[in-house]
Every structure is written in C-alpha cells, then in structure tokens.
C-alpha cells in the first residue's frame, strides 16, 4: 500500500498520524502556544465573571505561564537564538515554566490570598 504524500513538500497530509509524530519540539511549542492562547480567550471571561473559583484560577495561571514561557522562546528565536540550541531552549523554558507555576501557586495560597 502506498502512502499519500503532498507532491510539493513530500510530507504526509495533516490527518495522518505520521505527520504529527514527526514534528520537532519547537513545532509542538508553537502549536501548544496557539492552543493555550485559544484556551485563554475562552477562559478569561469565565475568570472575570467568577474570580473566586480556584480551579479557574489555577487553570488560568497554568495557561498564562505556559504561554509566557513559549512567548519568550519565540522572542529569543526572532532575535537570533541559534537553531542548534532550540531543543535545549524548549526544555529549559518548560522547566522554568513548571517552577514558576508552582512558585506562583504557592505564593497565591500562602501570601496573596486577598481575593478569597
């Protein structure tokens, strides 16, 4: 059985799982940042209308930190960060994002609990 490929790019079509499996971490970063932006657009009005729901707050914090860390990756890439270090930058920013999320969540529950 032959596989269907785009004759111009010689890549499998988007609906084939092999197209998604072959994406590099930088491309996953780009896709997930766009998805986090869409989720933030949907979640922000819910957060404004119900600011005291902790699950909404935590989800907002997670999405904002994720979006910010990978926004920093895009900025560094635009300013000429070397291509050979993109994978390392992706993972470093993921670790920094996780650390920032837990630190901000801790600060919220221990010190910044002024809204609830």
PDB file of N, CA and C in Angstrom:
ATOM      1  N   UNK A   1       0.839  -1.169   0.000  1.00  0.00           N
ATOM      2  CA  UNK A   1       0.000   0.000   0.000  1.00  0.00           C
ATOM      3  C   UNK A   1       0.890   1.239   0.000  1.00  0.00           C
ATOM      4  N   UNK A   2       0.617   2.145  -0.881  1.00  0.00           N
ATOM      5  CA  UNK A   2       1.414   3.360  -0.956  1.00  0.00           C
ATOM      6  C   UNK A   2       0.794   4.434  -0.080  1.00  0.00           C
ATOM      7  N   UNK A   3       1.659   5.305   0.441  1.00  0.00           N
ATOM      8  CA  UNK A   3       1.152   6.387   1.280  1.00  0.00           C
ATOM      9  C   UNK A   3       0.910   7.620   0.426  1.00  0.00           C
ATOM     10  N   UNK A   4      -0.080   8.389   0.839  1.00  0.00           N
ATOM     11  CA  UNK A   4      -0.416   9.619   0.139  1.00  0.00           C
ATOM     12  C   UNK A   4       0.493  10.719   0.673  1.00  0.00           C
ATOM     13  N   UNK A   5       1.209  11.390  -0.218  1.00  0.00           N
ATOM     14  CA  UNK A   5       2.089  12.482   0.189  1.00  0.00           C
ATOM     15  C   UNK A   5       1.829  13.687  -0.693  1.00  0.00           C
ATOM     16  N   UNK A   6       2.067  14.849  -0.134  1.00  0.00           N
ATOM     17  CA  UNK A   6       1.952  16.081  -0.888  1.00  0.00           C
ATOM     18  C   UNK A   6       3.112  16.123  -1.884  1.00  0.00           C
ATOM     19  N   UNK A   7       2.828  16.279  -3.191  1.00  0.00           N
ATOM     20  CA  UNK A   7       3.915  16.239  -4.167  1.00  0.00           C
ATOM     21  C   UNK A   7       4.884  17.419  -4.046  1.00  0.00           C
ATOM     22  N   UNK A   8       4.446  18.524  -3.487  1.00  0.00           N
ATOM     23  CA  UNK A   8       5.312  19.701  -3.376  1.00  0.00           C
ATOM     24  C   UNK A   8       6.288  19.555  -2.210  1.00  0.00           C
ATOM     25  N   UNK A   9       5.796  19.183  -1.040  1.00  0.00           N
ATOM     26  CA  UNK A   9       6.649  19.112   0.152  1.00  0.00           C
ATOM     27  C   UNK A   9       7.101  17.705   0.496  1.00  0.00           C
ATOM     28  N   UNK A  10       6.507  16.691  -0.120  1.00  0.00           N
ATOM     29  CA  UNK A  10       6.820  15.292   0.148  1.00  0.00           C
ATOM     30  C   UNK A  10       6.564  14.929   1.612  1.00  0.00           C
ATOM     31  N   UNK A  11       5.546  15.530   2.195  1.00  0.00           N
ATOM     32  CA  UNK A  11       5.170  15.259   3.576  1.00  0.00           C
ATOM     33  C   UNK A  11       3.796  14.601   3.591  1.00  0.00           C
ATOM     34  N   UNK A  12       3.522  13.788   4.616  1.00  0.00           N
ATOM     35  CA  UNK A  12       2.188  13.204   4.714  1.00  0.00           C
ATOM     36  C   UNK A  12       1.165  14.281   5.043  1.00  0.00           C
ATOM     37  N   UNK A  13      -0.095  14.078   4.671  1.00  0.00           N
ATOM     38  CA  UNK A  13      -1.127  15.066   4.976  1.00  0.00           C
ATOM     39  C   UNK A  13      -1.355  15.186   6.481  1.00  0.00           C
ATOM     40  N   UNK A  14      -1.961  16.284   6.884  1.00  0.00           N
ATOM     41  CA  UNK A  14      -2.149  16.604   8.298  1.00  0.00           C
ATOM     42  C   UNK A  14      -2.980  15.546   9.016  1.00  0.00           C
ATOM     43  N   UNK A  15      -3.931  14.945   8.353  1.00  0.00           N
ATOM     44  CA  UNK A  15      -4.803  13.981   9.019  1.00  0.00           C
ATOM     45  C   UNK A  15      -4.117  12.639   9.284  1.00  0.00           C
ATOM     46  N   UNK A  16      -2.908  12.418   8.759  1.00  0.00           N
ATOM     47  CA  UNK A  16      -2.163  11.191   9.043  1.00  0.00           C
ATOM     48  C   UNK A  16      -1.361  11.367  10.330  1.00  0.00           C
ATOM     49  N   UNK A  17      -1.346  10.368  11.192  1.00  0.00           N
ATOM     50  CA  UNK A  17      -0.652  10.446  12.476  1.00  0.00           C
ATOM     51  C   UNK A  17       0.856  10.614  12.291  1.00  0.00           C
ATOM     52  N   UNK A  18       1.405  10.116  11.189  1.00  0.00           N
ATOM     53  CA  UNK A  18       2.845  10.247  10.962  1.00  0.00           C
ATOM     54  C   UNK A  18       3.261  11.702  10.777  1.00  0.00           C
ATOM     55  N   UNK A  19       2.346  12.549  10.305  1.00  0.00           N
ATOM     56  CA  UNK A  19       2.667  13.975  10.159  1.00  0.00           C
ATOM     57  C   UNK A  19       2.852  14.613  11.528  1.00  0.00           C
ATOM     58  N   UNK A  20       2.053  14.221  12.507  1.00  0.00           N
ATOM     59  CA  UNK A  20       2.145  14.795  13.855  1.00  0.00           C
ATOM     60  C   UNK A  20       3.304  14.185  14.636  1.00  0.00           C
ATOM     61  N   UNK A  21       3.590  12.923  14.398  1.00  0.00           N
ATOM     62  CA  UNK A  21       4.659  12.244  15.121  1.00  0.00           C
ATOM     63  C   UNK A  21       6.035  12.782  14.734  1.00  0.00           C
ATOM     64  N   UNK A  22       6.173  13.293  13.527  1.00  0.00           N
ATOM     65  CA  UNK A  22       7.475  13.750  13.054  1.00  0.00           C
ATOM     66  C   UNK A  22       7.767  15.210  13.391  1.00  0.00           C
ATOM     67  N   UNK A  23       6.878  15.872  14.137  1.00  0.00           N
ATOM     68  CA  UNK A  23       7.102  17.282  14.473  1.00  0.00           C
ATOM     69  C   UNK A  23       8.191  17.420  15.533  1.00  0.00           C
ATOM     70  N   UNK A  24       8.999  18.433  15.384  1.00  0.00           N
ATOM     71  CA  UNK A  24      10.060  18.725  16.339  1.00  0.00           C
ATOM     72  C   UNK A  24       9.495  19.425  17.563  1.00  0.00           C
ATOM     73  N   UNK A  25      10.216  19.439  18.700  1.00  0.00           N
ATOM     74  CA  UNK A  25       9.719  20.122  19.901  1.00  0.00           C
ATOM     75  C   UNK A  25       9.387  21.593  19.669  1.00  0.00           C
ATOM     76  N   UNK A  26      10.144  22.257  18.819  1.00  0.00           N
ATOM     77  CA  UNK A  26       9.853  23.662  18.529  1.00  0.00           C
ATOM     78  C   UNK A  26       8.498  23.840  17.863  1.00  0.00           C
ATOM     79  N   UNK A  27       8.133  22.907  17.006  1.00  0.00           N
ATOM     80  CA  UNK A  27       6.820  22.985  16.353  1.00  0.00           C
ATOM     81  C   UNK A  27       5.713  22.666  17.343  1.00  0.00           C
ATOM     82  N   UNK A  28       5.958  21.685  18.227  1.00  0.00           N
ATOM     83  CA  UNK A  28       4.974  21.398  19.271  1.00  0.00           C
ATOM     84  C   UNK A  28       4.795  22.618  20.171  1.00  0.00           C
ATOM     85  N   UNK A  29       5.887  23.296  20.457  1.00  0.00           N
ATOM     86  CA  UNK A  29       5.832  24.504  21.269  1.00  0.00           C
ATOM     87  C   UNK A  29       4.939  25.539  20.598  1.00  0.00           C
ATOM     88  N   UNK A  30       5.094  25.707  19.302  1.00  0.00           N
ATOM     89  CA  UNK A  30       4.302  26.673  18.558  1.00  0.00           C
ATOM     90  C   UNK A  30       2.819  26.292  18.572  1.00  0.00           C
ATOM     91  N   UNK A  31       2.540  25.023  18.314  1.00  0.00           N
ATOM     92  CA  UNK A  31       1.145  24.560  18.291  1.00  0.00           C
ATOM     93  C   UNK A  31       0.505  24.707  19.676  1.00  0.00           C
ATOM     94  N   UNK A  32       1.217  24.297  20.722  1.00  0.00           N
ATOM     95  CA  UNK A  32       0.653  24.369  22.071  1.00  0.00           C
ATOM     96  C   UNK A  32       0.518  25.803  22.558  1.00  0.00           C
ATOM     97  N   UNK A  33       1.391  26.698  22.097  1.00  0.00           N
ATOM     98  CA  UNK A  33       1.221  28.098  22.481  1.00  0.00           C
ATOM     99  C   UNK A  33      -0.041  28.672  21.840  1.00  0.00           C
ATOM    100  N   UNK A  34      -0.291  28.314  20.605  1.00  0.00           N
ATOM    101  CA  UNK A  34      -1.519  28.796  19.940  1.00  0.00           C
ATOM    102  C   UNK A  34      -2.763  28.217  20.613  1.00  0.00           C
ATOM    103  N   UNK A  35      -2.692  26.946  21.005  1.00  0.00           N
ATOM    104  CA  UNK A  35      -3.837  26.343  21.702  1.00  0.00           C
ATOM    105  C   UNK A  35      -4.048  26.982  23.079  1.00  0.00           C
ATOM    106  N   UNK A  36      -2.951  27.317  23.758  1.00  0.00           N
ATOM    107  CA  UNK A  36      -3.096  27.986  25.055  1.00  0.00           C
ATOM    108  C   UNK A  36      -3.701  29.370  24.874  1.00  0.00           C
ATOM    109  N   UNK A  37      -3.373  30.047  23.781  1.00  0.00           N
ATOM    110  CA  UNK A  37      -3.976  31.355  23.514  1.00  0.00           C
ATOM    111  C   UNK A  37      -5.486  31.216  23.313  1.00  0.00           C
ATOM    112  N   UNK A  38      -5.896  30.209  22.566  1.00  0.00           N
ATOM    113  CA  UNK A  38      -7.341  29.992  22.366  1.00  0.00           C
ATOM    114  C   UNK A  38      -8.031  29.646  23.683  1.00  0.00           C
ATOM    115  N   UNK A  39      -7.378  28.815  24.496  1.00  0.00           N
ATOM    116  CA  UNK A  39      -7.959  28.462  25.794  1.00  0.00           C
ATOM    117  C   UNK A  39      -8.055  29.686  26.698  1.00  0.00           C
ATOM    118  N   UNK A  40      -7.059  30.558  26.650  1.00  0.00           N
ATOM    119  CA  UNK A  40      -7.106  31.778  27.458  1.00  0.00           C
ATOM    120  C   UNK A  40      -8.225  32.703  27.003  1.00  0.00           C
ATOM    121  N   UNK A  41      -8.447  32.784  25.705  1.00  0.00           N
ATOM    122  CA  UNK A  41      -9.534  33.616  25.189  1.00  0.00           C
ATOM    123  C   UNK A  41     -10.881  33.110  25.700  1.00  0.00           C
ATOM    124  N   UNK A  42     -11.037  31.804  25.779  1.00  0.00           N
ATOM    125  CA  UNK A  42     -12.288  31.227  26.278  1.00  0.00           C
ATOM    126  C   UNK A  42     -12.385  31.353  27.800  1.00  0.00           C
ATOM    127  N   UNK A  43     -11.279  31.111  28.488  1.00  0.00           N
ATOM    128  CA  UNK A  43     -11.296  31.048  29.951  1.00  0.00           C
ATOM    129  C   UNK A  43     -11.302  32.413  30.624  1.00  0.00           C
ATOM    130  N   UNK A  44     -10.735  33.425  29.980  1.00  0.00           N
ATOM    131  CA  UNK A  44     -10.646  34.737  30.621  1.00  0.00           C
ATOM    132  C   UNK A  44     -12.007  35.330  30.989  1.00  0.00           C
ATOM    133  N   UNK A  45     -13.006  35.323  30.109  1.00  0.00           N
ATOM    134  CA  UNK A  45     -14.311  35.843  30.530  1.00  0.00           C
ATOM    135  C   UNK A  45     -14.927  35.048  31.688  1.00  0.00           C
ATOM    136  N   UNK A  46     -14.682  33.741  31.716  1.00  0.00           N
ATOM    137  CA  UNK A  46     -15.181  32.934  32.832  1.00  0.00           C
ATOM    138  C   UNK A  46     -14.494  33.357  34.116  1.00  0.00           C
ATOM    139  N   UNK A  47     -13.195  33.621  34.046  1.00  0.00           N
ATOM    140  CA  UNK A  47     -12.447  34.068  35.219  1.00  0.00           C
ATOM    141  C   UNK A  47     -12.919  35.445  35.686  1.00  0.00           C
ATOM    142  N   UNK A  48     -13.227  36.335  34.761  1.00  0.00           N
ATOM    143  CA  UNK A  48     -13.696  37.673  35.130  1.00  0.00           C
ATOM    144  C   UNK A  48     -15.065  37.593  35.795  1.00  0.00           C
ATOM    145  N   UNK A  49     -15.924  36.711  35.309  1.00  0.00           N
ATOM    146  CA  UNK A  49     -17.271  36.599  35.873  1.00  0.00           C
ATOM    147  C   UNK A  49     -17.285  35.814  37.181  1.00  0.00           C
ATOM    148  N   UNK A  50     -16.362  34.880  37.367  1.00  0.00           N
ATOM    149  CA  UNK A  50     -16.287  34.061  38.578  1.00  0.00           C
ATOM    150  C   UNK A  50     -14.850  34.048  39.106  1.00  0.00           C
ATOM    151  N   UNK A  51     -14.383  35.156  39.680  1.00  0.00           N
ATOM    152  CA  UNK A  51     -12.969  35.229  40.064  1.00  0.00           C
ATOM    153  C   UNK A  51     -12.601  34.388  41.288  1.00  0.00           C
ATOM    154  N   UNK A  52     -13.561  33.826  41.975  1.00  0.00           N
ATOM    155  CA  UNK A  52     -13.264  33.119  43.226  1.00  0.00           C
ATOM    156  C   UNK A  52     -13.202  31.605  43.070  1.00  0.00           C
ATOM    157  N   UNK A  53     -13.331  31.096  41.879  1.00  0.00           N
ATOM    158  CA  UNK A  53     -13.267  29.657  41.652  1.00  0.00           C
ATOM    159  C   UNK A  53     -11.803  29.255  41.486  1.00  0.00           C
ATOM    160  N   UNK A  54     -11.301  28.457  42.426  1.00  0.00           N
ATOM    161  CA  UNK A  54      -9.880  28.102  42.431  1.00  0.00           C
ATOM    162  C   UNK A  54      -9.454  27.305  41.202  1.00  0.00           C
ATOM    163  N   UNK A  55     -10.315  26.435  40.701  1.00  0.00           N
ATOM    164  CA  UNK A  55      -9.921  25.650  39.530  1.00  0.00           C
ATOM    165  C   UNK A  55      -9.722  26.550  38.312  1.00  0.00           C
ATOM    166  N   UNK A  56     -10.532  27.590  38.197  1.00  0.00           N
ATOM    167  CA  UNK A  56     -10.370  28.534  37.089  1.00  0.00           C
ATOM    168  C   UNK A  56      -9.084  29.331  37.277  1.00  0.00           C
ATOM    169  N   UNK A  57      -8.801  29.738  38.511  1.00  0.00           N
ATOM    170  CA  UNK A  57      -7.566  30.486  38.791  1.00  0.00           C
ATOM    171  C   UNK A  57      -6.323  29.662  38.453  1.00  0.00           C
ATOM    172  N   UNK A  58      -6.309  28.415  38.892  1.00  0.00           N
ATOM    173  CA  UNK A  58      -5.149  27.560  38.646  1.00  0.00           C
ATOM    174  C   UNK A  58      -4.982  27.294  37.149  1.00  0.00           C
ATOM    175  N   UNK A  59      -6.084  27.056  36.457  1.00  0.00           N
ATOM    176  CA  UNK A  59      -6.010  26.828  35.016  1.00  0.00           C
ATOM    177  C   UNK A  59      -5.516  28.075  34.300  1.00  0.00           C
ATOM    178  N   UNK A  60      -6.008  29.238  34.708  1.00  0.00           N
ATOM    179  CA  UNK A  60      -5.530  30.496  34.122  1.00  0.00           C
ATOM    180  C   UNK A  60      -4.031  30.659  34.363  1.00  0.00           C
ATOM    181  N   UNK A  61      -3.600  30.408  35.580  1.00  0.00           N
ATOM    182  CA  UNK A  61      -2.182  30.540  35.905  1.00  0.00           C
ATOM    183  C   UNK A  61      -1.343  29.593  35.057  1.00  0.00           C
ATOM    184  N   UNK A  62      -1.778  28.349  34.941  1.00  0.00           N
ATOM    185  CA  UNK A  62      -1.050  27.365  34.143  1.00  0.00           C
ATOM    186  C   UNK A  62      -0.954  27.812  32.687  1.00  0.00           C
ATOM    187  N   UNK A  63      -2.058  28.252  32.118  1.00  0.00           N
ATOM    188  CA  UNK A  63      -2.057  28.671  30.720  1.00  0.00           C
ATOM    189  C   UNK A  63      -1.230  29.927  30.487  1.00  0.00           C
ATOM    190  N   UNK A  64      -1.313  30.885  31.418  1.00  0.00           N
ATOM    191  CA  UNK A  64      -0.542  32.127  31.264  1.00  0.00           C
ATOM    192  C   UNK A  64       0.955  31.846  31.358  1.00  0.00           C
ATOM    193  N   UNK A  65       1.350  31.007  32.310  1.00  0.00           N
ATOM    194  CA  UNK A  65       2.778  30.680  32.445  1.00  0.00           C
ATOM    195  C   UNK A  65       3.264  29.930  31.209  1.00  0.00           C
ATOM    196  N   UNK A  66       2.496  28.950  30.746  1.00  0.00           N
ATOM    197  CA  UNK A  66       2.886  28.205  29.545  1.00  0.00           C
ATOM    198  C   UNK A  66       3.017  29.153  28.359  1.00  0.00           C
ATOM    199  N   UNK A  67       2.024  29.995  28.160  1.00  0.00           N
ATOM    200  CA  UNK A  67       2.016  30.919  27.035  1.00  0.00           C
ATOM    201  C   UNK A  67       3.198  31.887  27.124  1.00  0.00           C
ATOM    202  N   UNK A  68       3.490  32.366  28.332  1.00  0.00           N
ATOM    203  CA  UNK A  68       4.594  33.311  28.513  1.00  0.00           C
ATOM    204  C   UNK A  68       5.949  32.661  28.244  1.00  0.00           C
ATOM    205  N   UNK A  69       6.155  31.451  28.755  1.00  0.00           N
ATOM    206  CA  UNK A  69       7.445  30.793  28.552  1.00  0.00           C
ATOM    207  C   UNK A  69       7.715  30.544  27.075  1.00  0.00           C
ATOM    208  N   UNK A  70       6.714  30.134  26.357  1.00  0.00           N
ATOM    209  CA  UNK A  70       6.933  29.862  24.946  1.00  0.00           C
ATOM    210  C   UNK A  70       6.876  31.132  24.109  1.00  0.00           C
ATOM    211  N   UNK A  71       6.277  32.189  24.635  1.00  0.00           N
ATOM    212  CA  UNK A  71       6.416  33.502  24.014  1.00  0.00           C
ATOM    213  C   UNK A  71       7.847  33.997  24.115  1.00  0.00           C
ATOM    214  N   UNK A  72       8.484  33.733  25.254  1.00  0.00           N
ATOM    215  CA  UNK A  72       9.899  34.074  25.419  1.00  0.00           C
ATOM    216  C   UNK A  72      10.743  33.297  24.410  1.00  0.00           C
ATOM    217  N   UNK A  73      10.388  32.035  24.170  1.00  0.00           N
ATOM    218  CA  UNK A  73      11.111  31.231  23.179  1.00  0.00           C
ATOM    219  C   UNK A  73      10.984  31.856  21.789  1.00  0.00           C
ATOM    220  N   UNK A  74       9.792  32.312  21.447  1.00  0.00           N
ATOM    221  CA  UNK A  74       9.584  32.942  20.143  1.00  0.00           C
ATOM    222  C   UNK A  74      10.400  34.232  20.036  1.00  0.00           C
ATOM    223  N   UNK A  75      10.405  35.028  21.100  1.00  0.00           N
ATOM    224  CA  UNK A  75      11.176  36.276  21.090  1.00  0.00           C
ATOM    225  C   UNK A  75      12.667  35.988  20.921  1.00  0.00           C
ATOM    226  N   UNK A  76      13.185  35.025  21.689  1.00  0.00           N
ATOM    227  CA  UNK A  76      14.603  34.680  21.569  1.00  0.00           C
ATOM    228  C   UNK A  76      14.929  34.151  20.175  1.00  0.00           C
ATOM    229  N   UNK A  77      14.038  33.375  19.611  1.00  0.00           N
ATOM    230  CA  UNK A  77      14.247  32.860  18.260  1.00  0.00           C
ATOM    231  C   UNK A  77      14.255  34.005  17.247  1.00  0.00           C
ATOM    232  N   UNK A  78      13.343  34.954  17.407  1.00  0.00           N
ATOM    233  CA  UNK A  78      13.293  36.102  16.497  1.00  0.00           C
ATOM    234  C   UNK A  78      14.545  36.958  16.580  1.00  0.00           C
ATOM    235  N   UNK A  79      15.153  37.011  17.754  1.00  0.00           N
ATOM    236  CA  UNK A  79      16.365  37.802  17.918  1.00  0.00           C
ATOM    237  C   UNK A  79      17.638  37.012  17.639  1.00  0.00           C
ATOM    238  N   UNK A  80      17.510  35.838  17.027  1.00  0.00           N
ATOM    239  CA  UNK A  80      18.675  35.129  16.530  1.00  0.00           C
ATOM    240  C   UNK A  80      19.259  34.060  17.433  1.00  0.00           C
ATOM    241  N   UNK A  81      18.469  33.522  18.352  1.00  0.00           N
ATOM    242  CA  UNK A  81      18.965  32.410  19.163  1.00  0.00           C
ATOM    243  C   UNK A  81      19.318  31.267  18.221  1.00  0.00           C
ATOM    244  N   UNK A  82      20.489  30.651  18.383  1.00  0.00           N
ATOM    245  CA  UNK A  82      20.937  29.636  17.414  1.00  0.00           C
ATOM    246  C   UNK A  82      19.980  28.445  17.286  1.00  0.00           C
ATOM    247  N   UNK A  83      19.797  28.004  16.058  1.00  0.00           N
ATOM    248  CA  UNK A  83      18.897  26.880  15.780  1.00  0.00           C
ATOM    249  C   UNK A  83      19.346  25.597  16.464  1.00  0.00           C
ATOM    250  N   UNK A  84      20.632  25.408  16.603  1.00  0.00           N
ATOM    251  CA  UNK A  84      21.126  24.154  17.176  1.00  0.00           C
ATOM    252  C   UNK A  84      20.786  24.012  18.655  1.00  0.00           C
ATOM    253  N   UNK A  85      20.375  25.097  19.303  1.00  0.00           N
ATOM    254  CA  UNK A  85      20.035  25.061  20.724  1.00  0.00           C
ATOM    255  C   UNK A  85      18.523  25.152  20.981  1.00  0.00           C
ATOM    256  N   UNK A  86      17.708  25.036  19.945  1.00  0.00           N
ATOM    257  CA  UNK A  86      16.263  25.185  20.101  1.00  0.00           C
ATOM    258  C   UNK A  86      15.668  24.113  21.015  1.00  0.00           C
ATOM    259  N   UNK A  87      16.113  22.885  20.884  1.00  0.00           N
ATOM    260  CA  UNK A  87      15.575  21.802  21.711  1.00  0.00           C
ATOM    261  C   UNK A  87      15.908  22.031  23.184  1.00  0.00           C
ATOM    262  N   UNK A  88      17.144  22.460  23.456  1.00  0.00           N
ATOM    263  CA  UNK A  88      17.537  22.759  24.841  1.00  0.00           C
ATOM    264  C   UNK A  88      16.729  23.926  25.391  1.00  0.00           C
ATOM    265  N   UNK A  89      16.544  24.958  24.570  1.00  0.00           N
ATOM    266  CA  UNK A  89      15.758  26.123  25.000  1.00  0.00           C
ATOM    267  C   UNK A  89      14.330  25.714  25.327  1.00  0.00           C
ATOM    268  N   UNK A  90      13.742  24.854  24.507  1.00  0.00           N
ATOM    269  CA  UNK A  90      12.385  24.366  24.751  1.00  0.00           C
ATOM    270  C   UNK A  90      12.287  23.705  26.126  1.00  0.00           C
ATOM    271  N   UNK A  91      13.210  22.801  26.421  1.00  0.00           N
ATOM    272  CA  UNK A  91      13.149  22.069  27.687  1.00  0.00           C
ATOM    273  C   UNK A  91      13.505  22.947  28.873  1.00  0.00           C
ATOM    274  N   UNK A  92      14.450  23.859  28.711  1.00  0.00           N
ATOM    275  CA  UNK A  92      14.787  24.787  29.807  1.00  0.00           C
ATOM    276  C   UNK A  92      13.585  25.660  30.135  1.00  0.00           C
ATOM    277  N   UNK A  93      12.911  26.167  29.114  1.00  0.00           N
ATOM    278  CA  UNK A  93      11.737  27.004  29.367  1.00  0.00           C
ATOM    279  C   UNK A  93      10.581  26.196  29.950  1.00  0.00           C
ATOM    280  N   UNK A  94      10.461  24.932  29.586  1.00  0.00           N
ATOM    281  CA  UNK A  94       9.438  24.077  30.216  1.00  0.00           C
ATOM    282  C   UNK A  94       9.722  23.914  31.702  1.00  0.00           C
ATOM    283  N   UNK A  95      10.979  23.675  32.054  1.00  0.00           N
ATOM    284  CA  UNK A  95      11.349  23.520  33.467  1.00  0.00           C
ATOM    285  C   UNK A  95      11.145  24.835  34.215  1.00  0.00           C
ATOM    286  N   UNK A  96      11.569  25.944  33.618  1.00  0.00           N
ATOM    287  CA  UNK A  96      11.370  27.257  34.248  1.00  0.00           C
ATOM    288  C   UNK A  96       9.883  27.541  34.410  1.00  0.00           C
ATOM    289  N   UNK A  97       9.087  27.179  33.416  1.00  0.00           N
ATOM    290  CA  UNK A  97       7.640  27.381  33.500  1.00  0.00           C
ATOM    291  C   UNK A  97       6.999  26.574  34.609  1.00  0.00           C
ATOM    292  N   UNK A  98       7.412  25.321  34.765  1.00  0.00           N
ATOM    293  CA  UNK A  98       6.870  24.480  35.847  1.00  0.00           C
ATOM    294  C   UNK A  98       7.262  25.061  37.198  1.00  0.00           C
ATOM    295  N   UNK A  99       8.528  25.484  37.329  1.00  0.00           N
ATOM    296  CA  UNK A  99       8.984  26.085  38.581  1.00  0.00           C
ATOM    297  C   UNK A  99       8.224  27.380  38.862  1.00  0.00           C
ATOM    298  N   UNK A 100       8.041  28.204  37.853  1.00  0.00           N
ATOM    299  CA  UNK A 100       7.303  29.461  38.029  1.00  0.00           C
ATOM    300  C   UNK A 100       5.849  29.184  38.412  1.00  0.00           C
ATOM    301  N   UNK A 101       5.246  28.179  37.787  1.00  0.00           N
ATOM    302  CA  UNK A 101       3.855  27.842  38.118  1.00  0.00           C
ATOM    303  C   UNK A 101       3.726  27.446  39.585  1.00  0.00           C
ATOM    304  N   UNK A 102       4.589  26.541  40.034  1.00  0.00           N
ATOM    305  CA  UNK A 102       4.473  26.092  41.424  1.00  0.00           C
ATOM    306  C   UNK A 102       4.816  27.203  42.409  1.00  0.00           C
ATOM    307  N   UNK A 103       5.791  28.052  42.078  1.00  0.00           N
ATOM    308  CA  UNK A 103       6.123  29.163  42.960  1.00  0.00           C
ATOM    309  C   UNK A 103       4.957  30.153  43.031  1.00  0.00           C
ATOM    310  N   UNK A 104       4.371  30.494  41.891  1.00  0.00           N
ATOM    311  CA  UNK A 104       3.245  31.433  41.890  1.00  0.00           C
ATOM    312  C   UNK A 104       2.019  30.831  42.573  1.00  0.00           C
ATOM    313  N   UNK A 105       1.779  29.548  42.377  1.00  0.00           N
ATOM    314  CA  UNK A 105       0.651  28.900  43.052  1.00  0.00           C
ATOM    315  C   UNK A 105       0.871  28.895  44.559  1.00  0.00           C
ATOM    316  N   UNK A 106       2.092  28.632  44.992  1.00  0.00           N
ATOM    317  CA  UNK A 106       2.406  28.664  46.417  1.00  0.00           C
ATOM    318  C   UNK A 106       2.237  30.076  46.979  1.00  0.00           C
ATOM    319  N   UNK A 107       2.766  31.059  46.272  1.00  0.00           N
ATOM    320  CA  UNK A 107       2.638  32.450  46.732  1.00  0.00           C
ATOM    321  C   UNK A 107       1.172  32.864  46.816  1.00  0.00           C
ATOM    322  N   UNK A 108       0.380  32.381  45.888  1.00  0.00           N
ATOM    323  CA  UNK A 108      -1.049  32.705  45.904  1.00  0.00           C
ATOM    324  C   UNK A 108      -1.730  32.122  47.146  1.00  0.00           C
ATOM    325  N   UNK A 109      -1.445  30.872  47.432  1.00  0.00           N
ATOM    326  CA  UNK A 109      -2.139  30.238  48.557  1.00  0.00           C
ATOM    327  C   UNK A 109      -1.617  30.726  49.902  1.00  0.00           C
ATOM    328  N   UNK A 110      -0.340  31.099  49.992  1.00  0.00           N
ATOM    329  CA  UNK A 110       0.233  31.491  51.278  1.00  0.00           C
ATOM    330  C   UNK A 110       0.196  32.981  51.544  1.00  0.00           C
ATOM    331  N   UNK A 111       0.407  33.804  50.507  1.00  0.00           N
ATOM    332  CA  UNK A 111       0.585  35.235  50.746  1.00  0.00           C
ATOM    333  C   UNK A 111      -0.420  36.121  50.030  1.00  0.00           C
ATOM    334  N   UNK A 112      -0.852  35.726  48.860  1.00  0.00           N
ATOM    335  CA  UNK A 112      -1.675  36.612  48.044  1.00  0.00           C
ATOM    336  C   UNK A 112      -3.149  36.234  48.083  1.00  0.00           C
ATOM    337  N   UNK A 113      -3.613  35.664  49.120  1.00  0.00           N
ATOM    338  CA  UNK A 113      -4.998  35.175  49.202  1.00  0.00           C
ATOM    339  C   UNK A 113      -5.949  36.320  49.557  1.00  0.00           C
ATOM    340  N   UNK A 114      -5.742  37.489  48.993  1.00  0.00           N
ATOM    341  CA  UNK A 114      -6.548  38.656  49.328  1.00  0.00           C
ATOM    342  C   UNK A 114      -7.892  38.684  48.646  1.00  0.00           C
ATOM    343  N   UNK A 115      -8.124  37.864  47.644  1.00  0.00           N
ATOM    344  CA  UNK A 115      -9.396  37.898  46.923  1.00  0.00           C
ATOM    345  C   UNK A 115     -10.389  36.853  47.406  1.00  0.00           C
ATOM    346  N   UNK A 116      -9.954  35.898  48.178  1.00  0.00           N
ATOM    347  CA  UNK A 116     -10.897  34.828  48.562  1.00  0.00           C
ATOM    348  C   UNK A 116     -11.086  34.785  50.060  1.00  0.00           C
TER     349      UNK A 116
END
